[in-house]
Amino acid sequence: MKKIVLTENQLDMVKKHIAEEESNNDNRYRREVRVSVGVNSEQKYKGGEINDVNPYSSKMTVSFDIDQDHRSWGIKDISLHSIKGPESIEVEIEYYPEGSDDYVTDEITIPLDWDNISIDKVSNGLLTVGDEVDITLYISETGEYSTEISMDVYTL
């Protein structure tokens, strides 16, 4: 038996690859969607007004389940549920420090809570998730991040 010596970075890459392979082997449907991140006008970052929030990647992959309710006479219902995506995303946040007319850019990681996703149903003859996921970032006075996620779900 041979021993292999790995650096921490190499081990992390192997673990990430294994996790991705495991998640790709489940029976969930997947779709790559555009990412939109915004804040409301009252949000402040480090005491300054926020100019813009830009995700590093303009796309993400979401997964979801589709279930059919069968009866002896046919299909009673088809439902799409359990939409999931990455646990967090990295963004650049542009903000104006107090007393400055020039914005500063910081890199932050924001958590994503897929258990509280808001869904807008759109009837168009397909059964899938929409083309875009909208993320609203909230920043508490203590500097903690939370999000609201919303997206369209196409229904028959």
Protein backbone atom coordinates (compact mmCIF):
# COMPACT_ATOMS: atom_id res chain seq x y z
CA MET A 1 0.00 0.00 0.00
CA LYS A 2 1.33 3.45 -0.94
CA LYS A 3 0.91 6.59 1.10
CA ILE A 4 0.06 9.87 -0.52
CA VAL A 5 1.05 13.18 1.02
CA LEU A 6 -1.33 16.07 0.33
CA THR A 7 -1.21 19.71 1.27
CA GLU A 8 -4.24 21.21 2.99
CA ASN A 9 -5.24 22.97 -0.23
CA GLN A 10 -5.02 19.73 -2.21
CA LEU A 11 -7.09 17.93 0.44
CA ASP A 12 -9.71 20.69 0.32
CA MET A 13 -9.90 20.39 -3.48
CA VAL A 14 -10.34 16.60 -3.23
CA LYS A 15 -13.09 16.98 -0.62
CA LYS A 16 -14.86 19.60 -2.74
CA HIS A 17 -14.68 17.38 -5.81
CA ILE A 18 -16.07 14.38 -3.90
CA ALA A 19 -18.92 16.49 -2.50
CA GLU A 20 -19.80 17.79 -5.98
CA GLU A 21 -19.80 14.26 -7.41
CA GLU A 22 -22.07 13.03 -4.61
CA SER A 23 -24.51 15.89 -5.13
CA ASN A 24 -24.56 15.25 -8.90
CA ASN A 25 -25.56 11.62 -8.36
CA ASP A 26 -28.85 12.36 -6.59
CA ASN A 27 -32.17 12.44 -8.41
CA ARG A 28 -32.62 16.19 -8.25
CA TYR A 29 -33.13 18.41 -11.26
CA ARG A 30 -30.61 21.20 -11.88
CA ARG A 31 -30.61 24.52 -13.68
CA GLU A 32 -28.07 27.29 -14.06
CA VAL A 33 -29.67 30.68 -13.35
CA ARG A 34 -28.57 34.32 -13.29
CA VAL A 35 -27.85 35.91 -9.91
CA SER A 36 -29.08 39.36 -8.90
CA VAL A 37 -28.07 40.84 -5.51
CA GLY A 38 -29.56 44.03 -4.12
CA VAL A 39 -30.21 45.97 -0.92
CA ASN A 40 -32.95 48.33 0.12
CA SER A 41 -32.15 52.05 0.25
CA GLU A 42 -31.98 52.16 4.07
CA GLN A 43 -29.19 49.59 4.36
CA LYS A 44 -25.79 50.81 5.54
CA TYR A 45 -22.42 49.09 5.37
CA LYS A 46 -19.78 50.21 7.88
CA GLY A 47 -21.93 53.30 8.47
CA GLY A 48 -21.88 54.32 4.82
CA GLU A 49 -24.43 54.36 2.02
CA ILE A 50 -24.26 51.34 -0.29
CA ASN A 51 -23.63 52.08 -3.96
CA ASP A 52 -23.88 48.55 -5.41
CA VAL A 53 -23.50 44.85 -4.64
CA ASN A 54 -21.99 42.64 -7.35
CA PRO A 55 -21.67 38.86 -7.11
CA TYR A 56 -18.33 37.39 -8.26
CA SER A 57 -20.21 34.97 -10.47
CA SER A 58 -23.24 36.12 -12.43
CA LYS A 59 -24.61 32.54 -12.46
CA MET A 60 -25.27 29.75 -9.99
CA THR A 61 -26.69 26.26 -10.19
CA VAL A 62 -29.86 25.51 -8.25
CA SER A 63 -31.35 22.08 -7.74
CA PHE A 64 -34.94 21.10 -7.07
CA ASP A 65 -37.30 18.14 -6.82
CA ILE A 66 -40.32 17.41 -9.00
CA ASP A 67 -42.91 14.99 -7.62
CA GLN A 68 -45.93 13.46 -9.31
CA ASP A 69 -49.07 12.38 -7.47
CA HIS A 70 -50.34 9.31 -9.36
CA ARG A 71 -53.81 7.80 -9.24
CA SER A 72 -55.30 4.82 -11.07
CA TRP A 73 -56.93 7.21 -13.52
CA GLY A 74 -53.74 9.25 -14.20
CA ILE A 75 -51.67 12.04 -12.71
CA LYS A 76 -53.46 14.12 -10.07
CA ASP A 77 -50.72 16.69 -9.41
CA ILE A 78 -47.15 17.60 -10.27
CA SER A 79 -45.21 19.78 -7.85
CA LEU A 80 -41.80 21.44 -7.82
CA HIS A 81 -40.26 21.95 -4.37
CA SER A 82 -37.08 21.88 -2.27
CA ILE A 83 -35.15 24.49 -4.25
CA LYS A 84 -31.53 24.55 -3.06
CA GLY A 85 -28.37 26.33 -4.10
CA PRO A 86 -24.99 27.19 -2.63
CA GLU A 87 -24.73 27.85 1.12
CA SER A 88 -23.15 31.25 0.47
CA ILE A 89 -21.90 33.52 -2.29
CA GLU A 90 -19.07 35.99 -2.46
CA VAL A 91 -19.84 39.54 -3.52
CA GLU A 92 -18.15 42.90 -3.87
CA ILE A 93 -19.96 45.62 -1.98
CA GLU A 94 -19.39 49.22 -2.99
CA TYR A 95 -20.10 51.80 -0.30
CA TYR A 96 -19.39 55.44 0.51
CA PRO A 97 -17.45 55.89 3.76
CA GLU A 98 -18.77 58.70 5.93
CA GLY A 99 -17.76 62.10 4.55
CA SER A 100 -16.47 60.73 1.23
CA ASP A 101 -17.78 61.19 -2.31
CA ASP A 102 -15.78 58.21 -3.61
CA TYR A 103 -16.94 54.68 -2.95
CA VAL A 104 -14.78 51.89 -1.52
CA THR A 105 -15.12 48.21 -2.47
CA ASP A 106 -15.03 45.34 0.06
CA GLU A 107 -15.25 41.62 -0.58
CA ILE A 108 -17.72 39.77 1.63
CA THR A 109 -19.33 36.34 1.84
CA ILE A 110 -23.07 36.30 2.44
CA PRO A 111 -24.99 33.24 3.65
CA LEU A 112 -28.00 32.02 1.67
CA ASP A 113 -31.06 30.60 3.45
CA TRP A 114 -32.81 28.36 0.93
CA ASP A 115 -35.41 27.24 3.50
CA ASN A 116 -37.16 30.62 3.32
CA ILE A 117 -37.27 31.15 -0.44
CA SER A 118 -40.14 33.23 -1.81
CA ILE A 119 -41.67 31.72 -4.95
CA ASP A 120 -43.70 33.48 -7.64
CA LYS A 121 -45.61 30.98 -9.79
CA VAL A 122 -45.73 31.70 -13.53
CA SER A 123 -47.93 29.56 -15.76
CA ASN A 124 -46.23 28.98 -19.11
CA GLY A 125 -46.48 25.28 -19.91
CA LEU A 126 -43.12 24.29 -18.36
CA LEU A 127 -42.30 22.89 -14.96
CA THR A 128 -38.96 24.30 -13.83
CA VAL A 129 -37.39 27.18 -11.93
CA GLY A 130 -37.12 30.64 -13.48
CA ASP A 131 -34.13 32.17 -15.23
CA GLU A 132 -33.00 34.35 -12.31
CA VAL A 133 -32.63 34.20 -8.54
CA ASP A 134 -33.06 37.53 -6.71
CA ILE A 135 -31.17 37.93 -3.45
CA THR A 136 -31.84 40.83 -1.09
CA LEU A 137 -29.02 41.48 1.38
CA TYR A 138 -29.72 42.79 4.88
CA ILE A 139 -26.96 44.01 7.17
CA SER A 140 -27.66 44.30 10.90
CA GLU A 141 -26.23 47.08 13.06
CA THR A 142 -23.77 44.50 14.43
CA GLY A 143 -22.55 43.72 10.89
CA GLU A 144 -24.23 40.32 10.50
CA TYR A 145 -25.61 39.39 7.08
CA SER A 146 -28.95 37.83 6.24
CA THR A 147 -30.75 37.38 2.96
CA GLU A 148 -34.13 36.96 1.35
CA ILE A 149 -34.23 34.82 -1.77
CA SER A 150 -36.95 34.93 -4.41
CA MET A 151 -37.42 33.39 -7.84
CA ASP A 152 -40.05 32.43 -10.35
CA VAL A 153 -41.26 28.85 -10.68
CA TYR A 154 -42.80 27.91 -14.00
CA THR A 155 -45.91 25.77 -13.74
CA LEU A 156 -48.15 23.93 -16.19
